[in-house]
Amino acid sequence: MILLLGNPKLKDFDVKDAKAVLLRPWARGIGDSIVSTGAIRELKKKYPHIKIYVIQRNRSRCVYAGNPHIEKVLPATLYHYLKLRNKVDVYVDCKHSVNISNLFACRLLNPKKIITIY
C-alpha cells in the first residue's frame, strides 16, 4: 500500500526552486522548540520566497504558532499529512530515527525532495 501512494522514482530537484517546505522538528518539548526556531529564521532569511509549514506535537506547537516566519503550524495527524499532499516541495524530517510512520508520511506527502537529518 505504501508504494502505491506516490511515485517511487527519484527526481532531480533543486531546493532553491522550492515554493513550500514542511518541517518536522526534532524538538520534544518547549525548550527544544525554542532552540530550533533559530534555524527556521535562517531558512527564511536565505529563501524568503518559500512558505514554511511545521508539523509538531501538541505540547510545543505554541512556540511555533507565534513565529512570523512560519506559514502554518499543524498537528502530526494523518488528516494534516493528506491535506498537504502534493503541496510541499521539500519535506525536512529531523527525527532521530526512521520508522514506518516516517516512511508513510513521506509517501503521503509526495514531496519533490526529502531531507532527513539525524
PDB file of N, CA and C in Angstrom:
ATOM      1  N   MET A   1       0.818  -1.192   0.000  1.00  0.00           N
ATOM      2  CA  MET A   1       0.000   0.000   0.000  1.00  0.00           C
ATOM      3  C   MET A   1       0.867   1.262   0.000  1.00  0.00           C
ATOM      4  N   ILE A   2       1.964   1.264   0.751  1.00  0.00           N
ATOM      5  CA  ILE A   2       2.821   2.437   0.818  1.00  0.00           C
ATOM      6  C   ILE A   2       3.402   2.770  -0.549  1.00  0.00           C
ATOM      7  N   LEU A   3       3.776   1.770  -1.312  1.00  0.00           N
ATOM      8  CA  LEU A   3       4.350   2.013  -2.625  1.00  0.00           C
ATOM      9  C   LEU A   3       3.355   2.624  -3.600  1.00  0.00           C
ATOM     10  N   LEU A   4       2.085   2.386  -3.402  1.00  0.00           N
ATOM     11  CA  LEU A   4       1.073   2.908  -4.311  1.00  0.00           C
ATOM     12  C   LEU A   4       0.678   4.352  -4.023  1.00  0.00           C
ATOM     13  N   LEU A   5       1.106   4.897  -2.910  1.00  0.00           N
ATOM     14  CA  LEU A   5       0.684   6.244  -2.532  1.00  0.00           C
ATOM     15  C   LEU A   5       1.446   7.351  -3.251  1.00  0.00           C
ATOM     16  N   GLY A   6       2.526   7.061  -3.888  1.00  0.00           N
ATOM     17  CA  GLY A   6       3.287   8.091  -4.583  1.00  0.00           C
ATOM     18  C   GLY A   6       4.216   7.477  -5.591  1.00  0.00           C
ATOM     19  N   ASN A   7       4.908   8.289  -6.322  1.00  0.00           N
ATOM     20  CA  ASN A   7       5.827   7.832  -7.340  1.00  0.00           C
ATOM     21  C   ASN A   7       7.155   7.458  -6.686  1.00  0.00           C
ATOM     22  N   PRO A   8       7.566   6.206  -6.726  1.00  0.00           N
ATOM     23  CA  PRO A   8       8.806   5.814  -6.056  1.00  0.00           C
ATOM     24  C   PRO A   8      10.069   6.226  -6.804  1.00  0.00           C
ATOM     25  N   LYS A   9       9.959   6.754  -8.032  1.00  0.00           N
ATOM     26  CA  LYS A   9      11.133   7.163  -8.793  1.00  0.00           C
ATOM     27  C   LYS A   9      11.713   8.457  -8.228  1.00  0.00           C
ATOM     28  N   LEU A  10      13.026   8.491  -8.109  1.00  0.00           N
ATOM     29  CA  LEU A  10      13.698   9.689  -7.632  1.00  0.00           C
ATOM     30  C   LEU A  10      13.773  10.708  -8.755  1.00  0.00           C
ATOM     31  N   LYS A  11      13.578  11.957  -8.419  1.00  0.00           N
ATOM     32  CA  LYS A  11      13.628  13.026  -9.402  1.00  0.00           C
ATOM     33  C   LYS A  11      14.684  14.029  -8.976  1.00  0.00           C
ATOM     34  N   ASP A  12      15.326  14.644  -9.949  1.00  0.00           N
ATOM     35  CA  ASP A  12      16.245  15.732  -9.631  1.00  0.00           C
ATOM     36  C   ASP A  12      15.440  16.975  -9.309  1.00  0.00           C
ATOM     37  N   PHE A  13      15.721  17.564  -8.173  1.00  0.00           N
ATOM     38  CA  PHE A  13      15.016  18.776  -7.770  1.00  0.00           C
ATOM     39  C   PHE A  13      15.970  19.637  -6.967  1.00  0.00           C
ATOM     40  N   ASP A  14      16.114  20.883  -7.367  1.00  0.00           N
ATOM     41  CA  ASP A  14      16.968  21.820  -6.656  1.00  0.00           C
ATOM     42  C   ASP A  14      16.139  22.506  -5.576  1.00  0.00           C
ATOM     43  N   VAL A  15      16.635  22.480  -4.359  1.00  0.00           N
ATOM     44  CA  VAL A  15      15.911  23.048  -3.224  1.00  0.00           C
ATOM     45  C   VAL A  15      15.668  24.546  -3.419  1.00  0.00           C
ATOM     46  N   LYS A  16      16.503  25.207  -4.165  1.00  0.00           N
ATOM     47  CA  LYS A  16      16.330  26.643  -4.414  1.00  0.00           C
ATOM     48  C   LYS A  16      15.029  26.945  -5.152  1.00  0.00           C
ATOM     49  N   ASP A  17      14.493  25.959  -5.873  1.00  0.00           N
ATOM     50  CA  ASP A  17      13.252  26.138  -6.626  1.00  0.00           C
ATOM     51  C   ASP A  17      12.000  25.831  -5.799  1.00  0.00           C
ATOM     52  N   ALA A  18      12.175  25.495  -4.550  1.00  0.00           N
ATOM     53  CA  ALA A  18      11.039  25.122  -3.696  1.00  0.00           C
ATOM     54  C   ALA A  18      10.146  26.324  -3.413  1.00  0.00           C
ATOM     55  N   LYS A  19       8.855  26.060  -3.384  1.00  0.00           N
ATOM     56  CA  LYS A  19       7.873  27.088  -3.030  1.00  0.00           C
ATOM     57  C   LYS A  19       7.331  26.871  -1.631  1.00  0.00           C
ATOM     58  N   ALA A  20       7.335  25.606  -1.171  1.00  0.00           N
ATOM     59  CA  ALA A  20       6.812  25.281   0.157  1.00  0.00           C
ATOM     60  C   ALA A  20       7.658  24.181   0.785  1.00  0.00           C
ATOM     61  N   VAL A  21       7.943  24.347   2.078  1.00  0.00           N
ATOM     62  CA  VAL A  21       8.750  23.395   2.833  1.00  0.00           C
ATOM     63  C   VAL A  21       7.961  22.974   4.064  1.00  0.00           C
ATOM     64  N   LEU A  22       7.955  21.671   4.333  1.00  0.00           N
ATOM     65  CA  LEU A  22       7.338  21.153   5.551  1.00  0.00           C
ATOM     66  C   LEU A  22       8.445  20.661   6.465  1.00  0.00           C
ATOM     67  N   LEU A  23       8.483  21.198   7.677  1.00  0.00           N
ATOM     68  CA  LEU A  23       9.481  20.809   8.669  1.00  0.00           C
ATOM     69  C   LEU A  23       8.825  19.955   9.743  1.00  0.00           C
ATOM     70  N   ARG A  24       9.514  18.901  10.110  1.00  0.00           N
ATOM     71  CA  ARG A  24       9.106  18.103  11.261  1.00  0.00           C
ATOM     72  C   ARG A  24      10.283  18.143  12.232  1.00  0.00           C
ATOM     73  N   PRO A  25      10.298  19.153  13.130  1.00  0.00           N
ATOM     74  CA  PRO A  25      11.448  19.365  14.012  1.00  0.00           C
ATOM     75  C   PRO A  25      11.676  18.212  14.977  1.00  0.00           C
ATOM     76  N   TRP A  26      12.898  18.123  15.458  1.00  0.00           N
ATOM     77  CA  TRP A  26      13.278  17.090  16.425  1.00  0.00           C
ATOM     78  C   TRP A  26      12.820  17.437  17.827  1.00  0.00           C
ATOM     79  N   ALA A  27      12.363  18.632  18.037  1.00  0.00           N
ATOM     80  CA  ALA A  27      12.009  19.120  19.371  1.00  0.00           C
ATOM     81  C   ALA A  27      10.926  18.263  20.017  1.00  0.00           C
ATOM     82  N   ARG A  28      11.180  17.873  21.260  1.00  0.00           N
ATOM     83  CA  ARG A  28      10.218  17.083  22.015  1.00  0.00           C
ATOM     84  C   ARG A  28       9.432  17.944  22.997  1.00  0.00           C
ATOM     85  N   GLY A  29       9.989  19.053  23.396  1.00  0.00           N
ATOM     86  CA  GLY A  29       9.322  19.905  24.366  1.00  0.00           C
ATOM     87  C   GLY A  29       9.482  21.379  23.999  1.00  0.00           C
ATOM     88  N   ILE A  30       9.036  22.230  24.887  1.00  0.00           N
ATOM     89  CA  ILE A  30       9.053  23.661  24.618  1.00  0.00           C
ATOM     90  C   ILE A  30      10.479  24.206  24.517  1.00  0.00           C
ATOM     91  N   GLY A  31      11.383  23.767  25.399  1.00  0.00           N
ATOM     92  CA  GLY A  31      12.762  24.252  25.366  1.00  0.00           C
ATOM     93  C   GLY A  31      13.465  23.906  24.062  1.00  0.00           C
ATOM     94  N   ASP A  32      13.329  22.668  23.602  1.00  0.00           N
ATOM     95  CA  ASP A  32      13.911  22.256  22.329  1.00  0.00           C
ATOM     96  C   ASP A  32      13.290  23.026  21.167  1.00  0.00           C
ATOM     97  N   SER A  33      12.004  23.300  21.257  1.00  0.00           N
ATOM     98  CA  SER A  33      11.322  24.045  20.204  1.00  0.00           C
ATOM     99  C   SER A  33      11.853  25.464  20.100  1.00  0.00           C
ATOM    100  N   ILE A  34      12.101  26.096  21.222  1.00  0.00           N
ATOM    101  CA  ILE A  34      12.633  27.462  21.218  1.00  0.00           C
ATOM    102  C   ILE A  34      13.999  27.481  20.547  1.00  0.00           C
ATOM    103  N   VAL A  35      14.828  26.489  20.843  1.00  0.00           N
ATOM    104  CA  VAL A  35      16.153  26.414  20.238  1.00  0.00           C
ATOM    105  C   VAL A  35      16.054  26.230  18.719  1.00  0.00           C
ATOM    106  N   SER A  36      15.109  25.438  18.251  1.00  0.00           N
ATOM    107  CA  SER A  36      15.007  25.154  16.813  1.00  0.00           C
ATOM    108  C   SER A  36      14.430  26.309  16.000  1.00  0.00           C
ATOM    109  N   THR A  37      13.822  27.292  16.632  1.00  0.00           N
ATOM    110  CA  THR A  37      13.251  28.404  15.878  1.00  0.00           C
ATOM    111  C   THR A  37      14.323  29.256  15.200  1.00  0.00           C
ATOM    112  N   GLY A  38      15.538  29.243  15.724  1.00  0.00           N
ATOM    113  CA  GLY A  38      16.631  29.981  15.084  1.00  0.00           C
ATOM    114  C   GLY A  38      16.935  29.434  13.698  1.00  0.00           C
ATOM    115  N   ALA A  39      16.860  28.126  13.534  1.00  0.00           N
ATOM    116  CA  ALA A  39      17.107  27.509  12.229  1.00  0.00           C
ATOM    117  C   ALA A  39      16.010  27.893  11.234  1.00  0.00           C
ATOM    118  N   ILE A  40      14.790  28.008  11.711  1.00  0.00           N
ATOM    119  CA  ILE A  40      13.679  28.410  10.835  1.00  0.00           C
ATOM    120  C   ILE A  40      13.868  29.849  10.371  1.00  0.00           C
ATOM    121  N   ARG A  41      14.301  30.711  11.268  1.00  0.00           N
ATOM    122  CA  ARG A  41      14.563  32.109  10.905  1.00  0.00           C
ATOM    123  C   ARG A  41      15.642  32.189   9.817  1.00  0.00           C
ATOM    124  N   GLU A  42      16.708  31.411   9.984  1.00  0.00           N
ATOM    125  CA  GLU A  42      17.796  31.427   8.995  1.00  0.00           C
ATOM    126  C   GLU A  42      17.361  30.849   7.659  1.00  0.00           C
ATOM    127  N   LEU A  43      16.526  29.840   7.686  1.00  0.00           N
ATOM    128  CA  LEU A  43      15.992  29.271   6.447  1.00  0.00           C
ATOM    129  C   LEU A  43      15.175  30.310   5.689  1.00  0.00           C
ATOM    130  N   LYS A  44      14.338  31.033   6.402  1.00  0.00           N
ATOM    131  CA  LYS A  44      13.503  32.059   5.774  1.00  0.00           C
ATOM    132  C   LYS A  44      14.353  33.236   5.278  1.00  0.00           C
ATOM    133  N   LYS A  45      15.431  33.529   6.000  1.00  0.00           N
ATOM    134  CA  LYS A  45      16.320  34.607   5.582  1.00  0.00           C
ATOM    135  C   LYS A  45      17.022  34.254   4.270  1.00  0.00           C
ATOM    136  N   LYS A  46      17.434  33.003   4.146  1.00  0.00           N
ATOM    137  CA  LYS A  46      18.138  32.560   2.942  1.00  0.00           C
ATOM    138  C   LYS A  46      17.188  32.382   1.757  1.00  0.00           C
ATOM    139  N   TYR A  47      15.987  31.891   2.018  1.00  0.00           N
ATOM    140  CA  TYR A  47      14.984  31.670   0.966  1.00  0.00           C
ATOM    141  C   TYR A  47      13.690  32.394   1.341  1.00  0.00           C
ATOM    142  N   PRO A  48      13.627  33.708   1.147  1.00  0.00           N
ATOM    143  CA  PRO A  48      12.450  34.473   1.601  1.00  0.00           C
ATOM    144  C   PRO A  48      11.163  34.165   0.834  1.00  0.00           C
ATOM    145  N   HIS A  49      11.266  33.551  -0.325  1.00  0.00           N
ATOM    146  CA  HIS A  49      10.086  33.283  -1.146  1.00  0.00           C
ATOM    147  C   HIS A  49       9.320  32.027  -0.733  1.00  0.00           C
ATOM    148  N   ILE A  50       9.892  31.176   0.110  1.00  0.00           N
ATOM    149  CA  ILE A  50       9.234  29.913   0.436  1.00  0.00           C
ATOM    150  C   ILE A  50       8.218  30.064   1.571  1.00  0.00           C
ATOM    151  N   LYS A  51       7.241  29.192   1.545  1.00  0.00           N
ATOM    152  CA  LYS A  51       6.297  29.070   2.655  1.00  0.00           C
ATOM    153  C   LYS A  51       6.791  27.916   3.528  1.00  0.00           C
ATOM    154  N   ILE A  52       6.842  28.145   4.831  1.00  0.00           N
ATOM    155  CA  ILE A  52       7.320  27.131   5.759  1.00  0.00           C
ATOM    156  C   ILE A  52       6.150  26.642   6.602  1.00  0.00           C
ATOM    157  N   TYR A  53       5.915  25.334   6.560  1.00  0.00           N
ATOM    158  CA  TYR A  53       4.908  24.690   7.382  1.00  0.00           C
ATOM    159  C   TYR A  53       5.636  23.828   8.410  1.00  0.00           C
ATOM    160  N   VAL A  54       5.067  23.704   9.592  1.00  0.00           N
ATOM    161  CA  VAL A  54       5.660  22.886  10.650  1.00  0.00           C
ATOM    162  C   VAL A  54       4.607  21.911  11.156  1.00  0.00           C
ATOM    163  N   ILE A  55       4.999  20.641  11.249  1.00  0.00           N
ATOM    164  CA  ILE A  55       4.143  19.629  11.879  1.00  0.00           C
ATOM    165  C   ILE A  55       4.806  19.272  13.199  1.00  0.00           C
ATOM    166  N   GLN A  56       4.054  19.418  14.289  1.00  0.00           N
ATOM    167  CA  GLN A  56       4.650  19.227  15.616  1.00  0.00           C
ATOM    168  C   GLN A  56       3.607  18.697  16.586  1.00  0.00           C
ATOM    169  N   ARG A  57       4.093  18.157  17.701  1.00  0.00           N
ATOM    170  CA  ARG A  57       3.226  17.655  18.766  1.00  0.00           C
ATOM    171  C   ARG A  57       2.459  18.788  19.427  1.00  0.00           C
ATOM    172  N   ASN A  58       1.419  18.430  20.133  1.00  0.00           N
ATOM    173  CA  ASN A  58       0.560  19.423  20.788  1.00  0.00           C
ATOM    174  C   ASN A  58       1.288  20.265  21.819  1.00  0.00           C
ATOM    175  N   ARG A  59       2.148  19.651  22.616  1.00  0.00           N
ATOM    176  CA  ARG A  59       2.728  20.375  23.744  1.00  0.00           C
ATOM    177  C   ARG A  59       3.714  21.474  23.352  1.00  0.00           C
ATOM    178  N   SER A  60       4.247  21.460  22.144  1.00  0.00           N
ATOM    179  CA  SER A  60       5.189  22.517  21.772  1.00  0.00           C
ATOM    180  C   SER A  60       4.772  23.288  20.522  1.00  0.00           C
ATOM    181  N   ARG A  61       3.562  23.061  20.040  1.00  0.00           N
ATOM    182  CA  ARG A  61       3.097  23.817  18.868  1.00  0.00           C
ATOM    183  C   ARG A  61       2.957  25.296  19.160  1.00  0.00           C
ATOM    184  N   CYS A  62       2.710  25.654  20.410  1.00  0.00           N
ATOM    185  CA  CYS A  62       2.508  27.063  20.773  1.00  0.00           C
ATOM    186  C   CYS A  62       3.759  27.900  20.486  1.00  0.00           C
ATOM    187  N   VAL A  63       4.934  27.307  20.579  1.00  0.00           N
ATOM    188  CA  VAL A  63       6.185  28.032  20.304  1.00  0.00           C
ATOM    189  C   VAL A  63       6.263  28.402  18.838  1.00  0.00           C
ATOM    190  N   TYR A  64       5.869  27.498  17.973  1.00  0.00           N
ATOM    191  CA  TYR A  64       5.939  27.748  16.534  1.00  0.00           C
ATOM    192  C   TYR A  64       4.787  28.620  16.044  1.00  0.00           C
ATOM    193  N   ALA A  65       3.651  28.579  16.727  1.00  0.00           N
ATOM    194  CA  ALA A  65       2.467  29.319  16.295  1.00  0.00           C
ATOM    195  C   ALA A  65       2.695  30.827  16.261  1.00  0.00           C
ATOM    196  N   GLY A  66       3.531  31.345  17.122  1.00  0.00           N
ATOM    197  CA  GLY A  66       3.776  32.785  17.146  1.00  0.00           C
ATOM    198  C   GLY A  66       4.931  33.228  16.274  1.00  0.00           C
ATOM    199  N   ASN A  67       5.553  32.316  15.563  1.00  0.00           N
ATOM    200  CA  ASN A  67       6.717  32.639  14.742  1.00  0.00           C
ATOM    201  C   ASN A  67       6.277  33.293  13.434  1.00  0.00           C
ATOM    202  N   PRO A  68       6.761  34.514  13.132  1.00  0.00           N
ATOM    203  CA  PRO A  68       6.342  35.199  11.914  1.00  0.00           C
ATOM    204  C   PRO A  68       6.906  34.582  10.633  1.00  0.00           C
ATOM    205  N   HIS A  69       7.886  33.689  10.740  1.00  0.00           N
ATOM    206  CA  HIS A  69       8.492  33.067   9.564  1.00  0.00           C
ATOM    207  C   HIS A  69       7.766  31.804   9.121  1.00  0.00           C
ATOM    208  N   ILE A  70       6.822  31.356   9.928  1.00  0.00           N
ATOM    209  CA  ILE A  70       6.107  30.116   9.647  1.00  0.00           C
ATOM    210  C   ILE A  70       4.710  30.426   9.123  1.00  0.00           C
ATOM    211  N   GLU A  71       4.384  29.800   8.020  1.00  0.00           N
ATOM    212  CA  GLU A  71       3.069  29.981   7.402  1.00  0.00           C
ATOM    213  C   GLU A  71       1.961  29.363   8.256  1.00  0.00           C
ATOM    214  N   LYS A  72       2.174  28.091   8.668  1.00  0.00           N
ATOM    215  CA  LYS A  72       1.152  27.394   9.440  1.00  0.00           C
ATOM    216  C   LYS A  72       1.791  26.292  10.270  1.00  0.00           C
ATOM    217  N   VAL A  73       1.242  26.067  11.464  1.00  0.00           N
ATOM    218  CA  VAL A  73       1.685  25.001  12.352  1.00  0.00           C
ATOM    219  C   VAL A  73       0.538  23.996  12.476  1.00  0.00           C
ATOM    220  N   LEU A  74       0.844  22.736  12.213  1.00  0.00           N
ATOM    221  CA  LEU A  74      -0.184  21.711  12.178  1.00  0.00           C
ATOM    222  C   LEU A  74       0.168  20.554  13.112  1.00  0.00           C
ATOM    223  N   PRO A  75      -0.841  19.869  13.648  1.00  0.00           N
ATOM    224  CA  PRO A  75      -0.559  18.662  14.434  1.00  0.00           C
ATOM    225  C   PRO A  75      -0.166  17.514  13.505  1.00  0.00           C
ATOM    226  N   ALA A  76       0.595  16.579  14.020  1.00  0.00           N
ATOM    227  CA  ALA A  76       1.064  15.437  13.226  1.00  0.00           C
ATOM    228  C   ALA A  76      -0.014  14.365  13.153  1.00  0.00           C
ATOM    229  N   THR A  77      -1.011  14.608  12.328  1.00  0.00           N
ATOM    230  CA  THR A  77      -2.100  13.645  12.154  1.00  0.00           C
ATOM    231  C   THR A  77      -2.188  13.237  10.685  1.00  0.00           C
ATOM    232  N   LEU A  78      -2.803  12.115  10.444  1.00  0.00           N
ATOM    233  CA  LEU A  78      -2.989  11.627   9.081  1.00  0.00           C
ATOM    234  C   LEU A  78      -3.752  12.642   8.234  1.00  0.00           C
ATOM    235  N   TYR A  79      -4.759  13.265   8.808  1.00  0.00           N
ATOM    236  CA  TYR A  79      -5.552  14.256   8.097  1.00  0.00           C
ATOM    237  C   TYR A  79      -4.682  15.401   7.578  1.00  0.00           C
ATOM    238  N   HIS A  80      -3.781  15.907   8.415  1.00  0.00           N
ATOM    239  CA  HIS A  80      -2.958  17.038   8.010  1.00  0.00           C
ATOM    240  C   HIS A  80      -1.888  16.653   6.992  1.00  0.00           C
ATOM    241  N   TYR A  81      -1.384  15.427   7.080  1.00  0.00           N
ATOM    242  CA  TYR A  81      -0.463  14.959   6.043  1.00  0.00           C
ATOM    243  C   TYR A  81      -1.190  14.872   4.700  1.00  0.00           C
ATOM    244  N   LEU A  82      -2.415  14.364   4.707  1.00  0.00           N
ATOM    245  CA  LEU A  82      -3.191  14.290   3.468  1.00  0.00           C
ATOM    246  C   LEU A  82      -3.541  15.673   2.935  1.00  0.00           C
ATOM    247  N   LYS A  83      -3.799  16.602   3.841  1.00  0.00           N
ATOM    248  CA  LYS A  83      -4.129  17.968   3.437  1.00  0.00           C
ATOM    249  C   LYS A  83      -2.955  18.639   2.714  1.00  0.00           C
ATOM    250  N   LEU A  84      -1.730  18.279   3.100  1.00  0.00           N
ATOM    251  CA  LEU A  84      -0.539  18.858   2.487  1.00  0.00           C
ATOM    252  C   LEU A  84      -0.007  18.041   1.304  1.00  0.00           C
ATOM    253  N   ARG A  85      -0.685  16.962   0.960  1.00  0.00           N
ATOM    254  CA  ARG A  85      -0.231  16.110  -0.141  1.00  0.00           C
ATOM    255  C   ARG A  85      -0.081  16.920  -1.423  1.00  0.00           C
ATOM    256  N   ASN A  86       1.057  16.794  -2.060  1.00  0.00           N
ATOM    257  CA  ASN A  86       1.404  17.477  -3.314  1.00  0.00           C
ATOM    258  C   ASN A  86       1.440  19.000  -3.188  1.00  0.00           C
ATOM    259  N   LYS A  87       1.432  19.533  -1.972  1.00  0.00           N
ATOM    260  CA  LYS A  87       1.509  20.982  -1.770  1.00  0.00           C
ATOM    261  C   LYS A  87       2.872  21.429  -1.272  1.00  0.00           C
ATOM    262  N   VAL A  88       3.678  20.509  -0.781  1.00  0.00           N
ATOM    263  CA  VAL A  88       5.018  20.861  -0.310  1.00  0.00           C
ATOM    264  C   VAL A  88       6.048  20.273  -1.264  1.00  0.00           C
ATOM    265  N   ASP A  89       7.071  21.071  -1.555  1.00  0.00           N
ATOM    266  CA  ASP A  89       8.126  20.621  -2.456  1.00  0.00           C
ATOM    267  C   ASP A  89       9.232  19.887  -1.714  1.00  0.00           C
ATOM    268  N   VAL A  90       9.494  20.312  -0.475  1.00  0.00           N
ATOM    269  CA  VAL A  90      10.569  19.724   0.312  1.00  0.00           C
ATOM    270  C   VAL A  90      10.028  19.334   1.683  1.00  0.00           C
ATOM    271  N   TYR A  91      10.339  18.110   2.095  1.00  0.00           N
ATOM    272  CA  TYR A  91       9.962  17.623   3.424  1.00  0.00           C
ATOM    273  C   TYR A  91      11.251  17.410   4.204  1.00  0.00           C
ATOM    274  N   VAL A  92      11.403  18.126   5.325  1.00  0.00           N
ATOM    275  CA  VAL A  92      12.593  18.014   6.170  1.00  0.00           C
ATOM    276  C   VAL A  92      12.183  17.332   7.462  1.00  0.00           C
ATOM    277  N   ASP A  93      12.712  16.129   7.680  1.00  0.00           N
ATOM    278  CA  ASP A  93      12.395  15.350   8.864  1.00  0.00           C
ATOM    279  C   ASP A  93      13.619  15.320   9.768  1.00  0.00           C
ATOM    280  N   CYS A  94      13.490  15.887  10.947  1.00  0.00           N
ATOM    281  CA  CYS A  94      14.611  15.988  11.884  1.00  0.00           C
ATOM    282  C   CYS A  94      14.492  15.003  13.041  1.00  0.00           C
ATOM    283  N   LYS A  95      13.726  13.965  12.886  1.00  0.00           N
ATOM    284  CA  LYS A  95      13.591  12.975  13.948  1.00  0.00           C
ATOM    285  C   LYS A  95      14.863  12.151  14.044  1.00  0.00           C
ATOM    286  N   HIS A  96      15.104  11.569  15.209  1.00  0.00           N
ATOM    287  CA  HIS A  96      16.343  10.841  15.453  1.00  0.00           C
ATOM    288  C   HIS A  96      16.337   9.420  14.906  1.00  0.00           C
ATOM    289  N   SER A  97      15.203   8.940  14.459  1.00  0.00           N
ATOM    290  CA  SER A  97      15.167   7.582  13.932  1.00  0.00           C
ATOM    291  C   SER A  97      14.171   7.511  12.782  1.00  0.00           C
ATOM    292  N   VAL A  98      14.388   6.561  11.923  1.00  0.00           N
ATOM    293  CA  VAL A  98      13.465   6.329  10.819  1.00  0.00           C
ATOM    294  C   VAL A  98      12.613   5.129  11.184  1.00  0.00           C
ATOM    295  N   ASN A  99      11.318   5.315  11.127  1.00  0.00           N
ATOM    296  CA  ASN A  99      10.408   4.205  11.406  1.00  0.00           C
ATOM    297  C   ASN A  99       9.324   4.172  10.338  1.00  0.00           C
ATOM    298  N   ILE A 100       8.428   3.261  10.437  1.00  0.00           N
ATOM    299  CA  ILE A 100       7.409   3.088   9.401  1.00  0.00           C
ATOM    300  C   ILE A 100       6.500   4.307   9.286  1.00  0.00           C
ATOM    301  N   SER A 101       6.244   4.999  10.383  1.00  0.00           N
ATOM    302  CA  SER A 101       5.378   6.186  10.304  1.00  0.00           C
ATOM    303  C   SER A 101       6.069   7.312   9.529  1.00  0.00           C
ATOM    304  N   ASN A 102       7.386   7.446   9.660  1.00  0.00           N
ATOM    305  CA  ASN A 102       8.117   8.458   8.883  1.00  0.00           C
ATOM    306  C   ASN A 102       8.066   8.128   7.392  1.00  0.00           C
ATOM    307  N   LEU A 103       8.271   6.866   7.058  1.00  0.00           N
ATOM    308  CA  LEU A 103       8.210   6.458   5.657  1.00  0.00           C
ATOM    309  C   LEU A 103       6.809   6.653   5.085  1.00  0.00           C
ATOM    310  N   PHE A 104       5.813   6.332   5.888  1.00  0.00           N
ATOM    311  CA  PHE A 104       4.421   6.506   5.461  1.00  0.00           C
ATOM    312  C   PHE A 104       4.115   7.986   5.228  1.00  0.00           C
ATOM    313  N   ALA A 105       4.614   8.845   6.104  1.00  0.00           N
ATOM    314  CA  ALA A 105       4.408  10.292   5.953  1.00  0.00           C
ATOM    315  C   ALA A 105       5.041  10.795   4.663  1.00  0.00           C
ATOM    316  N   CYS A 106       6.224  10.312   4.356  1.00  0.00           N
ATOM    317  CA  CYS A 106       6.895  10.718   3.117  1.00  0.00           C
ATOM    318  C   CYS A 106       6.089  10.314   1.892  1.00  0.00           C
ATOM    319  N   ARG A 107       5.528   9.131   1.918  1.00  0.00           N
ATOM    320  CA  ARG A 107       4.742   8.663   0.776  1.00  0.00           C
ATOM    321  C   ARG A 107       3.423   9.415   0.674  1.00  0.00           C
ATOM    322  N   LEU A 108       2.828   9.764   1.792  1.00  0.00           N
ATOM    323  CA  LEU A 108       1.580  10.529   1.760  1.00  0.00           C
ATOM    324  C   LEU A 108       1.798  11.925   1.189  1.00  0.00           C
ATOM    325  N   LEU A 109       2.862  12.572   1.607  1.00  0.00           N
ATOM    326  CA  LEU A 109       3.126  13.945   1.184  1.00  0.00           C
ATOM    327  C   LEU A 109       3.512  14.034  -0.288  1.00  0.00           C
ATOM    328  N   ASN A 110       4.238  13.052  -0.774  1.00  0.00           N
ATOM    329  CA  ASN A 110       4.719  13.015  -2.144  1.00  0.00           C
ATOM    330  C   ASN A 110       5.520  14.276  -2.506  1.00  0.00           C
ATOM    331  N   PRO A 111       6.515  14.638  -1.684  1.00  0.00           N
ATOM    332  CA  PRO A 111       7.308  15.833  -1.988  1.00  0.00           C
ATOM    333  C   PRO A 111       8.310  15.567  -3.107  1.00  0.00           C
ATOM    334  N   LYS A 112       8.859  16.635  -3.662  1.00  0.00           N
ATOM    335  CA  LYS A 112       9.869  16.506  -4.705  1.00  0.00           C
ATOM    336  C   LYS A 112      11.245  16.179  -4.128  1.00  0.00           C
ATOM    337  N   LYS A 113      11.452  16.545  -2.870  1.00  0.00           N
ATOM    338  CA  LYS A 113      12.737  16.300  -2.220  1.00  0.00           C
ATOM    339  C   LYS A 113      12.479  15.969  -0.749  1.00  0.00           C
ATOM    340  N   ILE A 114      13.179  14.965  -0.231  1.00  0.00           N
ATOM    341  CA  ILE A 114      13.099  14.586   1.182  1.00  0.00           C
ATOM    342  C   ILE A 114      14.468  14.753   1.777  1.00  0.00           C
ATOM    343  N   ILE A 115      14.530  15.503   2.873  1.00  0.00           N
ATOM    344  CA  ILE A 115      15.787  15.695   3.594  1.00  0.00           C
ATOM    345  C   ILE A 115      15.586  15.147   4.992  1.00  0.00           C
ATOM    346  N   THR A 116      16.441  14.203   5.372  1.00  0.00           N
ATOM    347  CA  THR A 116      16.366  13.625   6.712  1.00  0.00           C
ATOM    348  C   THR A 116      17.614  14.012   7.461  1.00  0.00           C
ATOM    349  N   ILE A 117      17.434  14.547   8.653  1.00  0.00           N
ATOM    350  CA  ILE A 117      18.552  14.999   9.480  1.00  0.00           C
ATOM    351  C   ILE A 117      18.557  14.170  10.757  1.00  0.00           C
ATOM    352  N   TYR A 118      19.714  13.603  11.078  1.00  0.00           N
ATOM    353  CA  TYR A 118      19.846  12.807  12.292  1.00  0.00           C
ATOM    354  C   TYR A 118      20.747  13.515  13.259  1.00  0.00           C
TER     355      TYR A 118
END
